[in-house]
């Protein structure tokens, strides 16, 4: 499975590890859990760790856009941990789709990303 999802701080922080291509099936796992935590806490924080990430399949990209529009105000902070310039660019690309405070970290700064998100 190219992605794993873990919860921290009783679900207030969702940590998502992505590698390979993101699929619609990945969203089938991710969205219900995330929406459940948003209902429970109203605002959540997310840590997205990209490792050898190759983007989205077409269906997954559509699911991502729908999720972003629906939860525009529900994510308080978003940390993106990556390893390339285009992944760094994702932190800029995401800004119009959320009111979250977004920060990019290099893989060598994973612990700093965790401290910032928690």
PDB file of N, CA and C in Angstrom:
ATOM      1  N   UNK A   1       0.854  -1.185   0.000  1.00  0.00           N
ATOM      2  CA  UNK A   1       0.000   0.000   0.000  1.00  0.00           C
ATOM      3  C   UNK A   1       0.896   1.243   0.000  1.00  0.00           C
ATOM      4  N   UNK A   2       0.665   2.164  -0.898  1.00  0.00           N
ATOM      5  CA  UNK A   2       1.543   3.319  -1.005  1.00  0.00           C
ATOM      6  C   UNK A   2       1.354   4.364   0.100  1.00  0.00           C
ATOM      7  N   UNK A   3       0.294   4.246   0.886  1.00  0.00           N
ATOM      8  CA  UNK A   3       0.107   5.264   1.914  1.00  0.00           C
ATOM      9  C   UNK A   3      -0.252   4.624   3.245  1.00  0.00           C
ATOM     10  N   UNK A   4       0.133   5.288   4.328  1.00  0.00           N
ATOM     11  CA  UNK A   4      -0.270   4.871   5.657  1.00  0.00           C
ATOM     12  C   UNK A   4      -0.773   6.097   6.401  1.00  0.00           C
ATOM     13  N   UNK A   5      -1.728   5.869   7.301  1.00  0.00           N
ATOM     14  CA  UNK A   5      -2.323   6.945   8.067  1.00  0.00           C
ATOM     15  C   UNK A   5      -2.243   6.575   9.534  1.00  0.00           C
ATOM     16  N   UNK A   6      -1.727   7.479  10.353  1.00  0.00           N
ATOM     17  CA  UNK A   6      -1.710   7.270  11.792  1.00  0.00           C
ATOM     18  C   UNK A   6      -2.278   8.512  12.463  1.00  0.00           C
ATOM     19  N   UNK A   7      -2.792   8.307  13.660  1.00  0.00           N
ATOM     20  CA  UNK A   7      -3.345   9.423  14.424  1.00  0.00           C
ATOM     21  C   UNK A   7      -2.454   9.697  15.626  1.00  0.00           C
ATOM     22  N   UNK A   8      -2.309  10.972  15.941  1.00  0.00           N
ATOM     23  CA  UNK A   8      -1.534  11.402  17.098  1.00  0.00           C
ATOM     24  C   UNK A   8      -2.427  12.301  17.953  1.00  0.00           C
ATOM     25  N   UNK A   9      -2.114  12.414  19.218  1.00  0.00           N
ATOM     26  CA  UNK A   9      -2.859  13.283  20.125  1.00  0.00           C
ATOM     27  C   UNK A   9      -4.356  13.038  20.020  1.00  0.00           C
ATOM     28  N   UNK A  10      -4.769  11.761  20.202  1.00  0.00           N
ATOM     29  CA  UNK A  10      -6.173  11.361  20.176  1.00  0.00           C
ATOM     30  C   UNK A  10      -6.881  11.733  18.888  1.00  0.00           C
ATOM     31  N   UNK A  11      -6.169  11.825  17.792  1.00  0.00           N
ATOM     32  CA  UNK A  11      -6.788  12.105  16.513  1.00  0.00           C
ATOM     33  C   UNK A  11      -6.797  13.560  16.111  1.00  0.00           C
ATOM     34  N   UNK A  12      -6.284  14.432  16.954  1.00  0.00           N
ATOM     35  CA  UNK A  12      -6.223  15.855  16.583  1.00  0.00           C
ATOM     36  C   UNK A  12      -5.175  16.103  15.501  1.00  0.00           C
ATOM     37  N   UNK A  13      -4.205  15.213  15.406  1.00  0.00           N
ATOM     38  CA  UNK A  13      -3.188  15.294  14.361  1.00  0.00           C
ATOM     39  C   UNK A  13      -3.255  14.001  13.554  1.00  0.00           C
ATOM     40  N   UNK A  14      -3.362  14.142  12.248  1.00  0.00           N
ATOM     41  CA  UNK A  14      -3.349  12.988  11.363  1.00  0.00           C
ATOM     42  C   UNK A  14      -2.051  13.038  10.577  1.00  0.00           C
ATOM     43  N   UNK A  15      -1.299  11.959  10.676  1.00  0.00           N
ATOM     44  CA  UNK A  15      -0.018  11.857   9.982  1.00  0.00           C
ATOM     45  C   UNK A  15      -0.203  10.904   8.801  1.00  0.00           C
ATOM     46  N   UNK A  16       0.100  11.390   7.604  1.00  0.00           N
ATOM     47  CA  UNK A  16      -0.093  10.616   6.387  1.00  0.00           C
ATOM     48  C   UNK A  16       1.269  10.444   5.710  1.00  0.00           C
ATOM     49  N   UNK A  17       1.651   9.205   5.454  1.00  0.00           N
ATOM     50  CA  UNK A  17       2.887   8.898   4.727  1.00  0.00           C
ATOM     51  C   UNK A  17       2.497   8.488   3.324  1.00  0.00           C
ATOM     52  N   UNK A  18       3.008   9.180   2.322  1.00  0.00           N
ATOM     53  CA  UNK A  18       2.672   8.890   0.929  1.00  0.00           C
ATOM     54  C   UNK A  18       3.924   8.522   0.153  1.00  0.00           C
ATOM     55  N   UNK A  19       3.804   7.466  -0.655  1.00  0.00           N
ATOM     56  CA  UNK A  19       4.864   7.125  -1.594  1.00  0.00           C
ATOM     57  C   UNK A  19       4.210   6.553  -2.834  1.00  0.00           C
ATOM     58  N   UNK A  20       4.931   6.593  -3.928  1.00  0.00           N
ATOM     59  CA  UNK A  20       4.357   6.140  -5.187  1.00  0.00           C
ATOM     60  C   UNK A  20       3.293   7.106  -5.674  1.00  0.00           C
ATOM     61  N   UNK A  21       2.249   6.577  -6.320  1.00  0.00           N
ATOM     62  CA  UNK A  21       1.139   7.400  -6.813  1.00  0.00           C
ATOM     63  C   UNK A  21      -0.048   7.256  -5.890  1.00  0.00           C
ATOM     64  N   UNK A  22      -0.672   8.380  -5.576  1.00  0.00           N
ATOM     65  CA  UNK A  22      -1.859   8.394  -4.729  1.00  0.00           C
ATOM     66  C   UNK A  22      -3.062   7.947  -5.558  1.00  0.00           C
ATOM     67  N   UNK A  23      -3.838   7.007  -5.015  1.00  0.00           N
ATOM     68  CA  UNK A  23      -4.972   6.442  -5.748  1.00  0.00           C
ATOM     69  C   UNK A  23      -6.293   6.818  -5.085  1.00  0.00           C
ATOM     70  N   UNK A  24      -7.379   6.590  -5.801  1.00  0.00           N
ATOM     71  CA  UNK A  24      -8.715   6.824  -5.238  1.00  0.00           C
ATOM     72  C   UNK A  24      -8.940   5.923  -4.023  1.00  0.00           C
ATOM     73  N   UNK A  25      -8.369   4.728  -4.027  1.00  0.00           N
ATOM     74  CA  UNK A  25      -8.502   3.820  -2.883  1.00  0.00           C
ATOM     75  C   UNK A  25      -7.839   4.410  -1.635  1.00  0.00           C
ATOM     76  N   UNK A  26      -6.741   5.130  -1.829  1.00  0.00           N
ATOM     77  CA  UNK A  26      -6.100   5.792  -0.694  1.00  0.00           C
ATOM     78  C   UNK A  26      -7.058   6.804  -0.069  1.00  0.00           C
ATOM     79  N   UNK A  27      -7.779   7.530  -0.919  1.00  0.00           N
ATOM     80  CA  UNK A  27      -8.749   8.499  -0.411  1.00  0.00           C
ATOM     81  C   UNK A  27      -9.911   7.811   0.290  1.00  0.00           C
ATOM     82  N   UNK A  28     -10.274   6.617  -0.158  1.00  0.00           N
ATOM     83  CA  UNK A  28     -11.342   5.865   0.504  1.00  0.00           C
ATOM     84  C   UNK A  28     -10.969   5.542   1.951  1.00  0.00           C
ATOM     85  N   UNK A  29      -9.688   5.405   2.241  1.00  0.00           N
ATOM     86  CA  UNK A  29      -9.223   5.180   3.622  1.00  0.00           C
ATOM     87  C   UNK A  29      -9.113   6.500   4.371  1.00  0.00           C
ATOM     88  N   UNK A  30      -8.553   7.490   3.718  1.00  0.00           N
ATOM     89  CA  UNK A  30      -8.189   8.748   4.350  1.00  0.00           C
ATOM     90  C   UNK A  30      -9.401   9.635   4.690  1.00  0.00           C
ATOM     91  N   UNK A  31     -10.317   9.791   3.761  1.00  0.00           N
ATOM     92  CA  UNK A  31     -11.410  10.752   3.928  1.00  0.00           C
ATOM     93  C   UNK A  31     -12.331  10.406   5.102  1.00  0.00           C
ATOM     94  N   UNK A  32     -12.835   9.162   5.245  1.00  0.00           N
ATOM     95  CA  UNK A  32     -13.731   8.892   6.376  1.00  0.00           C
ATOM     96  C   UNK A  32     -13.087   9.147   7.737  1.00  0.00           C
ATOM     97  N   UNK A  33     -11.842   8.732   7.909  1.00  0.00           N
ATOM     98  CA  UNK A  33     -11.148   8.972   9.178  1.00  0.00           C
ATOM     99  C   UNK A  33     -10.997  10.464   9.441  1.00  0.00           C
ATOM    100  N   UNK A  34     -10.570  11.186   8.433  1.00  0.00           N
ATOM    101  CA  UNK A  34     -10.356  12.623   8.584  1.00  0.00           C
ATOM    102  C   UNK A  34     -11.666  13.336   8.894  1.00  0.00           C
ATOM    103  N   UNK A  35     -12.728  12.999   8.184  1.00  0.00           N
ATOM    104  CA  UNK A  35     -14.016  13.648   8.433  1.00  0.00           C
ATOM    105  C   UNK A  35     -14.561  13.317   9.820  1.00  0.00           C
ATOM    106  N   UNK A  36     -14.297  12.111  10.277  1.00  0.00           N
ATOM    107  CA  UNK A  36     -14.701  11.720  11.627  1.00  0.00           C
ATOM    108  C   UNK A  36     -13.990  12.586  12.669  1.00  0.00           C
ATOM    109  N   UNK A  37     -12.700  12.810  12.488  1.00  0.00           N
ATOM    110  CA  UNK A  37     -11.939  13.635  13.437  1.00  0.00           C
ATOM    111  C   UNK A  37     -12.344  15.107  13.352  1.00  0.00           C
ATOM    112  N   UNK A  38     -12.686  15.584  12.164  1.00  0.00           N
ATOM    113  CA  UNK A  38     -13.147  16.971  12.021  1.00  0.00           C
ATOM    114  C   UNK A  38     -14.470  17.145  12.777  1.00  0.00           C
ATOM    115  N   UNK A  39     -15.375  16.175  12.666  1.00  0.00           N
ATOM    116  CA  UNK A  39     -16.638  16.245  13.418  1.00  0.00           C
ATOM    117  C   UNK A  39     -16.368  16.255  14.917  1.00  0.00           C
ATOM    118  N   UNK A  40     -15.379  15.471  15.339  1.00  0.00           N
ATOM    119  CA  UNK A  40     -15.073  15.345  16.761  1.00  0.00           C
ATOM    120  C   UNK A  40     -14.397  16.600  17.307  1.00  0.00           C
ATOM    121  N   UNK A  41     -13.451  17.186  16.573  1.00  0.00           N
ATOM    122  CA  UNK A  41     -12.630  18.283  17.088  1.00  0.00           C
ATOM    123  C   UNK A  41     -12.858  19.633  16.395  1.00  0.00           C
ATOM    124  N   UNK A  42     -13.592  19.655  15.314  1.00  0.00           N
ATOM    125  CA  UNK A  42     -13.839  20.836  14.488  1.00  0.00           C
ATOM    126  C   UNK A  42     -12.631  21.237  13.653  1.00  0.00           C
ATOM    127  N   UNK A  43     -11.460  21.344  14.251  1.00  0.00           N
ATOM    128  CA  UNK A  43     -10.230  21.676  13.518  1.00  0.00           C
ATOM    129  C   UNK A  43      -9.193  20.604  13.834  1.00  0.00           C
ATOM    130  N   UNK A  44      -8.473  20.184  12.791  1.00  0.00           N
ATOM    131  CA  UNK A  44      -7.408  19.202  12.982  1.00  0.00           C
ATOM    132  C   UNK A  44      -6.123  19.741  12.365  1.00  0.00           C
ATOM    133  N   UNK A  45      -5.046  19.029  12.614  1.00  0.00           N
ATOM    134  CA  UNK A  45      -3.756  19.340  12.008  1.00  0.00           C
ATOM    135  C   UNK A  45      -3.293  18.112  11.239  1.00  0.00           C
ATOM    136  N   UNK A  46      -2.547  18.351  10.154  1.00  0.00           N
ATOM    137  CA  UNK A  46      -2.076  17.246   9.326  1.00  0.00           C
ATOM    138  C   UNK A  46      -0.585  17.361   9.052  1.00  0.00           C
ATOM    139  N   UNK A  47       0.078  16.217   9.129  1.00  0.00           N
ATOM    140  CA  UNK A  47       1.481  16.091   8.772  1.00  0.00           C
ATOM    141  C   UNK A  47       1.541  15.124   7.596  1.00  0.00           C
ATOM    142  N   UNK A  48       1.956  15.598   6.439  1.00  0.00           N
ATOM    143  CA  UNK A  48       2.030  14.778   5.229  1.00  0.00           C
ATOM    144  C   UNK A  48       3.501  14.567   4.900  1.00  0.00           C
ATOM    145  N   UNK A  49       3.923  13.296   4.925  1.00  0.00           N
ATOM    146  CA  UNK A  49       5.311  12.945   4.661  1.00  0.00           C
ATOM    147  C   UNK A  49       5.369  12.273   3.285  1.00  0.00           C
ATOM    148  N   UNK A  50       6.080  12.899   2.366  1.00  0.00           N
ATOM    149  CA  UNK A  50       6.206  12.406   0.999  1.00  0.00           C
ATOM    150  C   UNK A  50       7.546  11.688   0.852  1.00  0.00           C
ATOM    151  N   UNK A  51       7.496  10.436   0.441  1.00  0.00           N
ATOM    152  CA  UNK A  51       8.704   9.640   0.266  1.00  0.00           C
ATOM    153  C   UNK A  51       8.624   8.941  -1.085  1.00  0.00           C
ATOM    154  N   UNK A  52       9.454   9.357  -2.034  1.00  0.00           N
ATOM    155  CA  UNK A  52       9.416   8.819  -3.384  1.00  0.00           C
ATOM    156  C   UNK A  52       8.007   8.967  -3.966  1.00  0.00           C
ATOM    157  N   UNK A  53       7.417  10.142  -3.761  1.00  0.00           N
ATOM    158  CA  UNK A  53       6.050  10.438  -4.179  1.00  0.00           C
ATOM    159  C   UNK A  53       6.013  10.816  -5.656  1.00  0.00           C
ATOM    160  N   UNK A  54       5.044  10.249  -6.383  1.00  0.00           N
ATOM    161  CA  UNK A  54       4.960  10.471  -7.828  1.00  0.00           C
ATOM    162  C   UNK A  54       3.656  11.133  -8.245  1.00  0.00           C
ATOM    163  N   UNK A  55       2.943  11.751  -7.313  1.00  0.00           N
ATOM    164  CA  UNK A  55       1.734  12.476  -7.666  1.00  0.00           C
ATOM    165  C   UNK A  55       0.473  11.651  -7.512  1.00  0.00           C
ATOM    166  N   UNK A  56      -0.556  12.060  -8.241  1.00  0.00           N
ATOM    167  CA  UNK A  56      -1.884  11.496  -8.120  1.00  0.00           C
ATOM    168  C   UNK A  56      -2.297  10.808  -9.402  1.00  0.00           C
ATOM    169  N   UNK A  57      -3.063   9.720  -9.277  1.00  0.00           N
ATOM    170  CA  UNK A  57      -3.804   9.201 -10.412  1.00  0.00           C
ATOM    171  C   UNK A  57      -4.965  10.164 -10.646  1.00  0.00           C
ATOM    172  N   UNK A  58      -5.556  10.171 -11.834  1.00  0.00           N
ATOM    173  CA  UNK A  58      -6.600  11.149 -12.174  1.00  0.00           C
ATOM    174  C   UNK A  58      -7.753  11.134 -11.172  1.00  0.00           C
ATOM    175  N   UNK A  59      -8.259   9.978 -10.821  1.00  0.00           N
ATOM    176  CA  UNK A  59      -9.372   9.894  -9.869  1.00  0.00           C
ATOM    177  C   UNK A  59      -8.998  10.420  -8.502  1.00  0.00           C
ATOM    178  N   UNK A  60      -7.774  10.169  -8.086  1.00  0.00           N
ATOM    179  CA  UNK A  60      -7.317  10.640  -6.786  1.00  0.00           C
ATOM    180  C   UNK A  60      -7.160  12.153  -6.776  1.00  0.00           C
ATOM    181  N   UNK A  61      -6.722  12.730  -7.877  1.00  0.00           N
ATOM    182  CA  UNK A  61      -6.595  14.185  -7.944  1.00  0.00           C
ATOM    183  C   UNK A  61      -7.963  14.832  -7.790  1.00  0.00           C
ATOM    184  N   UNK A  62      -8.975  14.285  -8.441  1.00  0.00           N
ATOM    185  CA  UNK A  62     -10.345  14.806  -8.302  1.00  0.00           C
ATOM    186  C   UNK A  62     -10.813  14.675  -6.856  1.00  0.00           C
ATOM    187  N   UNK A  63     -10.546  13.523  -6.214  1.00  0.00           N
ATOM    188  CA  UNK A  63     -10.911  13.337  -4.809  1.00  0.00           C
ATOM    189  C   UNK A  63     -10.209  14.356  -3.923  1.00  0.00           C
ATOM    190  N   UNK A  64      -8.958  14.660  -4.239  1.00  0.00           N
ATOM    191  CA  UNK A  64      -8.200  15.634  -3.462  1.00  0.00           C
ATOM    192  C   UNK A  64      -8.812  17.025  -3.575  1.00  0.00           C
ATOM    193  N   UNK A  65      -9.169  17.414  -4.769  1.00  0.00           N
ATOM    194  CA  UNK A  65      -9.773  18.736  -4.971  1.00  0.00           C
ATOM    195  C   UNK A  65     -11.107  18.826  -4.236  1.00  0.00           C
ATOM    196  N   UNK A  66     -11.940  17.786  -4.327  1.00  0.00           N
ATOM    197  CA  UNK A  66     -13.229  17.790  -3.616  1.00  0.00           C
ATOM    198  C   UNK A  66     -13.015  17.895  -2.111  1.00  0.00           C
ATOM    199  N   UNK A  67     -12.047  17.146  -1.584  1.00  0.00           N
ATOM    200  CA  UNK A  67     -11.759  17.187  -0.150  1.00  0.00           C
ATOM    201  C   UNK A  67     -11.322  18.591   0.267  1.00  0.00           C
ATOM    202  N   UNK A  68     -10.422  19.187  -0.510  1.00  0.00           N
ATOM    203  CA  UNK A  68      -9.911  20.527  -0.182  1.00  0.00           C
ATOM    204  C   UNK A  68     -11.030  21.556  -0.153  1.00  0.00           C
ATOM    205  N   UNK A  69     -11.933  21.510  -1.116  1.00  0.00           N
ATOM    206  CA  UNK A  69     -13.034  22.469  -1.157  1.00  0.00           C
ATOM    207  C   UNK A  69     -13.979  22.254   0.019  1.00  0.00           C
ATOM    208  N   UNK A  70     -14.305  21.004   0.295  1.00  0.00           N
ATOM    209  CA  UNK A  70     -15.248  20.694   1.369  1.00  0.00           C
ATOM    210  C   UNK A  70     -14.686  21.054   2.747  1.00  0.00           C
ATOM    211  N   UNK A  71     -13.385  20.929   2.935  1.00  0.00           N
ATOM    212  CA  UNK A  71     -12.781  21.130   4.256  1.00  0.00           C
ATOM    213  C   UNK A  71     -11.844  22.340   4.280  1.00  0.00           C
ATOM    214  N   UNK A  72     -12.192  23.348   3.522  1.00  0.00           N
ATOM    215  CA  UNK A  72     -11.401  24.569   3.380  1.00  0.00           C
ATOM    216  C   UNK A  72     -10.993  25.155   4.736  1.00  0.00           C
ATOM    217  N   UNK A  73     -11.911  25.165   5.710  1.00  0.00           N
ATOM    218  CA  UNK A  73     -11.665  25.798   7.013  1.00  0.00           C
ATOM    219  C   UNK A  73     -11.372  24.810   8.142  1.00  0.00           C
ATOM    220  N   UNK A  74     -11.317  23.526   7.863  1.00  0.00           N
ATOM    221  CA  UNK A  74     -11.254  22.526   8.930  1.00  0.00           C
ATOM    222  C   UNK A  74      -9.844  22.100   9.330  1.00  0.00           C
ATOM    223  N   UNK A  75      -8.855  22.463   8.543  1.00  0.00           N
ATOM    224  CA  UNK A  75      -7.479  22.081   8.863  1.00  0.00           C
ATOM    225  C   UNK A  75      -6.751  23.323   9.352  1.00  0.00           C
ATOM    226  N   UNK A  76      -6.253  23.222  10.580  1.00  0.00           N
ATOM    227  CA  UNK A  76      -5.620  24.353  11.248  1.00  0.00           C
ATOM    228  C   UNK A  76      -4.169  24.550  10.804  1.00  0.00           C
ATOM    229  N   UNK A  77      -3.430  23.448  10.731  1.00  0.00           N
ATOM    230  CA  UNK A  77      -2.030  23.482  10.294  1.00  0.00           C
ATOM    231  C   UNK A  77      -1.765  22.293   9.389  1.00  0.00           C
ATOM    232  N   UNK A  78      -0.928  22.528   8.375  1.00  0.00           N
ATOM    233  CA  UNK A  78      -0.538  21.481   7.447  1.00  0.00           C
ATOM    234  C   UNK A  78       0.969  21.550   7.258  1.00  0.00           C
ATOM    235  N   UNK A  79       1.650  20.479   7.666  1.00  0.00           N
ATOM    236  CA  UNK A  79       3.089  20.380   7.460  1.00  0.00           C
ATOM    237  C   UNK A  79       3.325  19.377   6.338  1.00  0.00           C
ATOM    238  N   UNK A  80       4.129  19.773   5.360  1.00  0.00           N
ATOM    239  CA  UNK A  80       4.490  18.893   4.255  1.00  0.00           C
ATOM    240  C   UNK A  80       5.988  18.616   4.361  1.00  0.00           C
ATOM    241  N   UNK A  81       6.331  17.335   4.444  1.00  0.00           N
ATOM    242  CA  UNK A  81       7.737  16.920   4.521  1.00  0.00           C
ATOM    243  C   UNK A  81       8.066  16.221   3.218  1.00  0.00           C
ATOM    244  N   UNK A  82       9.050  16.748   2.499  1.00  0.00           N
ATOM    245  CA  UNK A  82       9.364  16.186   1.187  1.00  0.00           C
ATOM    246  C   UNK A  82      10.839  16.179   0.896  1.00  0.00           C
ATOM    247  N   UNK A  83      11.140  15.902  -0.374  1.00  0.00           N
ATOM    248  CA  UNK A  83      12.529  15.718  -0.755  1.00  0.00           C
ATOM    249  C   UNK A  83      12.874  16.363  -2.089  1.00  0.00           C
ATOM    250  N   UNK A  84      11.984  17.203  -2.622  1.00  0.00           N
ATOM    251  CA  UNK A  84      12.297  17.804  -3.917  1.00  0.00           C
ATOM    252  C   UNK A  84      11.669  19.188  -4.055  1.00  0.00           C
ATOM    253  N   UNK A  85      12.109  19.911  -5.063  1.00  0.00           N
ATOM    254  CA  UNK A  85      11.593  21.261  -5.296  1.00  0.00           C
ATOM    255  C   UNK A  85      10.109  21.256  -5.618  1.00  0.00           C
ATOM    256  N   UNK A  86       9.628  20.289  -6.388  1.00  0.00           N
ATOM    257  CA  UNK A  86       8.206  20.302  -6.737  1.00  0.00           C
ATOM    258  C   UNK A  86       7.352  20.006  -5.522  1.00  0.00           C
ATOM    259  N   UNK A  87       7.864  19.199  -4.577  1.00  0.00           N
ATOM    260  CA  UNK A  87       7.126  18.947  -3.344  1.00  0.00           C
ATOM    261  C   UNK A  87       7.084  20.208  -2.495  1.00  0.00           C
ATOM    262  N   UNK A  88       8.170  20.960  -2.474  1.00  0.00           N
ATOM    263  CA  UNK A  88       8.182  22.249  -1.783  1.00  0.00           C
ATOM    264  C   UNK A  88       7.123  23.167  -2.409  1.00  0.00           C
ATOM    265  N   UNK A  89       7.011  23.115  -3.729  1.00  0.00           N
ATOM    266  CA  UNK A  89       6.019  23.925  -4.435  1.00  0.00           C
ATOM    267  C   UNK A  89       4.593  23.565  -4.073  1.00  0.00           C
ATOM    268  N   UNK A  90       4.361  22.323  -3.650  1.00  0.00           N
ATOM    269  CA  UNK A  90       3.017  21.922  -3.234  1.00  0.00           C
ATOM    270  C   UNK A  90       2.522  22.760  -2.065  1.00  0.00           C
ATOM    271  N   UNK A  91       3.428  23.165  -1.183  1.00  0.00           N
ATOM    272  CA  UNK A  91       3.004  23.976  -0.035  1.00  0.00           C
ATOM    273  C   UNK A  91       2.476  25.331  -0.498  1.00  0.00           C
ATOM    274  N   UNK A  92       2.994  25.837  -1.599  1.00  0.00           N
ATOM    275  CA  UNK A  92       2.490  27.087  -2.178  1.00  0.00           C
ATOM    276  C   UNK A  92       1.205  26.821  -2.947  1.00  0.00           C
ATOM    277  N   UNK A  93       1.173  25.724  -3.702  1.00  0.00           N
ATOM    278  CA  UNK A  93       0.003  25.360  -4.489  1.00  0.00           C
ATOM    279  C   UNK A  93      -1.228  25.150  -3.611  1.00  0.00           C
ATOM    280  N   UNK A  94      -1.056  24.601  -2.417  1.00  0.00           N
ATOM    281  CA  UNK A  94      -2.178  24.288  -1.519  1.00  0.00           C
ATOM    282  C   UNK A  94      -2.842  25.527  -0.926  1.00  0.00           C
ATOM    283  N   UNK A  95      -2.142  26.619  -0.834  1.00  0.00           N
ATOM    284  CA  UNK A  95      -2.639  27.795  -0.123  1.00  0.00           C
ATOM    285  C   UNK A  95      -4.030  28.271  -0.533  1.00  0.00           C
ATOM    286  N   UNK A  96      -4.358  28.347  -1.820  1.00  0.00           N
ATOM    287  CA  UNK A  96      -5.701  28.818  -2.171  1.00  0.00           C
ATOM    288  C   UNK A  96      -6.831  27.863  -1.768  1.00  0.00           C
ATOM    289  N   UNK A  97      -6.485  26.623  -1.423  1.00  0.00           N
ATOM    290  CA  UNK A  97      -7.498  25.611  -1.147  1.00  0.00           C
ATOM    291  C   UNK A  97      -7.765  25.397   0.339  1.00  0.00           C
ATOM    292  N   UNK A  98      -7.102  26.150   1.191  1.00  0.00           N
ATOM    293  CA  UNK A  98      -7.276  25.957   2.623  1.00  0.00           C
ATOM    294  C   UNK A  98      -6.913  27.223   3.379  1.00  0.00           C
ATOM    295  N   UNK A  99      -7.497  27.367   4.569  1.00  0.00           N
ATOM    296  CA  UNK A  99      -7.105  28.470   5.444  1.00  0.00           C
ATOM    297  C   UNK A  99      -6.002  28.028   6.407  1.00  0.00           C
ATOM    298  N   UNK A 100      -5.557  26.784   6.280  1.00  0.00           N
ATOM    299  CA  UNK A 100      -4.521  26.245   7.174  1.00  0.00           C
ATOM    300  C   UNK A 100      -3.217  27.021   7.036  1.00  0.00           C
ATOM    301  N   UNK A 101      -2.504  27.081   8.148  1.00  0.00           N
ATOM    302  CA  UNK A 101      -1.123  27.555   8.109  1.00  0.00           C
ATOM    303  C   UNK A 101      -0.308  26.403   7.528  1.00  0.00           C
ATOM    304  N   UNK A 102       0.431  26.649   6.448  1.00  0.00           N
ATOM    305  CA  UNK A 102       1.151  25.597   5.738  1.00  0.00           C
ATOM    306  C   UNK A 102       2.649  25.863   5.816  1.00  0.00           C
ATOM    307  N   UNK A 103       3.402  24.795   6.111  1.00  0.00           N
ATOM    308  CA  UNK A 103       4.848  24.937   6.169  1.00  0.00           C
ATOM    309  C   UNK A 103       5.488  23.691   5.553  1.00  0.00           C
ATOM    310  N   UNK A 104       6.537  23.913   4.756  1.00  0.00           N
ATOM    311  CA  UNK A 104       7.275  22.825   4.128  1.00  0.00           C
ATOM    312  C   UNK A 104       8.544  22.539   4.931  1.00  0.00           C
ATOM    313  N   UNK A 105       8.872  21.253   5.043  1.00  0.00           N
ATOM    314  CA  UNK A 105      10.106  20.807   5.699  1.00  0.00           C
ATOM    315  C   UNK A 105      10.788  19.786   4.809  1.00  0.00           C
ATOM    316  N   UNK A 106      12.102  19.794   4.785  1.00  0.00           N
ATOM    317  CA  UNK A 106      12.877  18.772   4.111  1.00  0.00           C
ATOM    318  C   UNK A 106      12.860  17.504   4.988  1.00  0.00           C
ATOM    319  N   UNK A 107      13.119  16.341   4.360  1.00  0.00           N
ATOM    320  CA  UNK A 107      13.136  15.082   5.123  1.00  0.00           C
ATOM    321  C   UNK A 107      14.052  15.149   6.344  1.00  0.00           C
ATOM    322  N   UNK A 108      15.158  15.859   6.224  1.00  0.00           N
ATOM    323  CA  UNK A 108      16.094  15.957   7.351  1.00  0.00           C
ATOM    324  C   UNK A 108      15.499  16.748   8.509  1.00  0.00           C
ATOM    325  N   UNK A 109      14.371  17.411   8.285  1.00  0.00           N
ATOM    326  CA  UNK A 109      13.722  18.235   9.318  1.00  0.00           C
ATOM    327  C   UNK A 109      12.422  17.613   9.838  1.00  0.00           C
ATOM    328  N   UNK A 110      12.282  16.292   9.715  1.00  0.00           N
ATOM    329  CA  UNK A 110      11.047  15.621  10.121  1.00  0.00           C
ATOM    330  C   UNK A 110      10.686  15.903  11.571  1.00  0.00           C
ATOM    331  N   UNK A 111      11.644  15.838  12.467  1.00  0.00           N
ATOM    332  CA  UNK A 111      11.339  16.090  13.886  1.00  0.00           C
ATOM    333  C   UNK A 111      10.891  17.536  14.107  1.00  0.00           C
ATOM    334  N   UNK A 112      11.485  18.479  13.391  1.00  0.00           N
ATOM    335  CA  UNK A 112      11.047  19.876  13.484  1.00  0.00           C
ATOM    336  C   UNK A 112       9.614  20.009  12.975  1.00  0.00           C
ATOM    337  N   UNK A 113       9.271  19.285  11.928  1.00  0.00           N
ATOM    338  CA  UNK A 113       7.898  19.308  11.405  1.00  0.00           C
ATOM    339  C   UNK A 113       6.921  18.766  12.435  1.00  0.00           C
ATOM    340  N   UNK A 114       7.305  17.676  13.097  1.00  0.00           N
ATOM    341  CA  UNK A 114       6.433  17.117  14.146  1.00  0.00           C
ATOM    342  C   UNK A 114       6.264  18.095  15.297  1.00  0.00           C
ATOM    343  N   UNK A 115       7.327  18.734  15.705  1.00  0.00           N
ATOM    344  CA  UNK A 115       7.206  19.722  16.790  1.00  0.00           C
ATOM    345  C   UNK A 115       6.307  20.876  16.365  1.00  0.00           C
ATOM    346  N   UNK A 116       6.423  21.347  15.144  1.00  0.00           N
ATOM    347  CA  UNK A 116       5.611  22.468  14.659  1.00  0.00           C
ATOM    348  C   UNK A 116       4.124  22.076  14.565  1.00  0.00           C
ATOM    349  N   UNK A 117       3.849  20.863  14.098  1.00  0.00           N
ATOM    350  CA  UNK A 117       2.465  20.458  13.880  1.00  0.00           C
ATOM    351  C   UNK A 117       1.763  20.128  15.195  1.00  0.00           C
ATOM    352  N   UNK A 118       2.499  19.613  16.181  1.00  0.00           N
ATOM    353  CA  UNK A 118       1.868  19.233  17.437  1.00  0.00           C
ATOM    354  C   UNK A 118       1.693  20.445  18.324  1.00  0.00           C
TER     355      UNK A 118
END
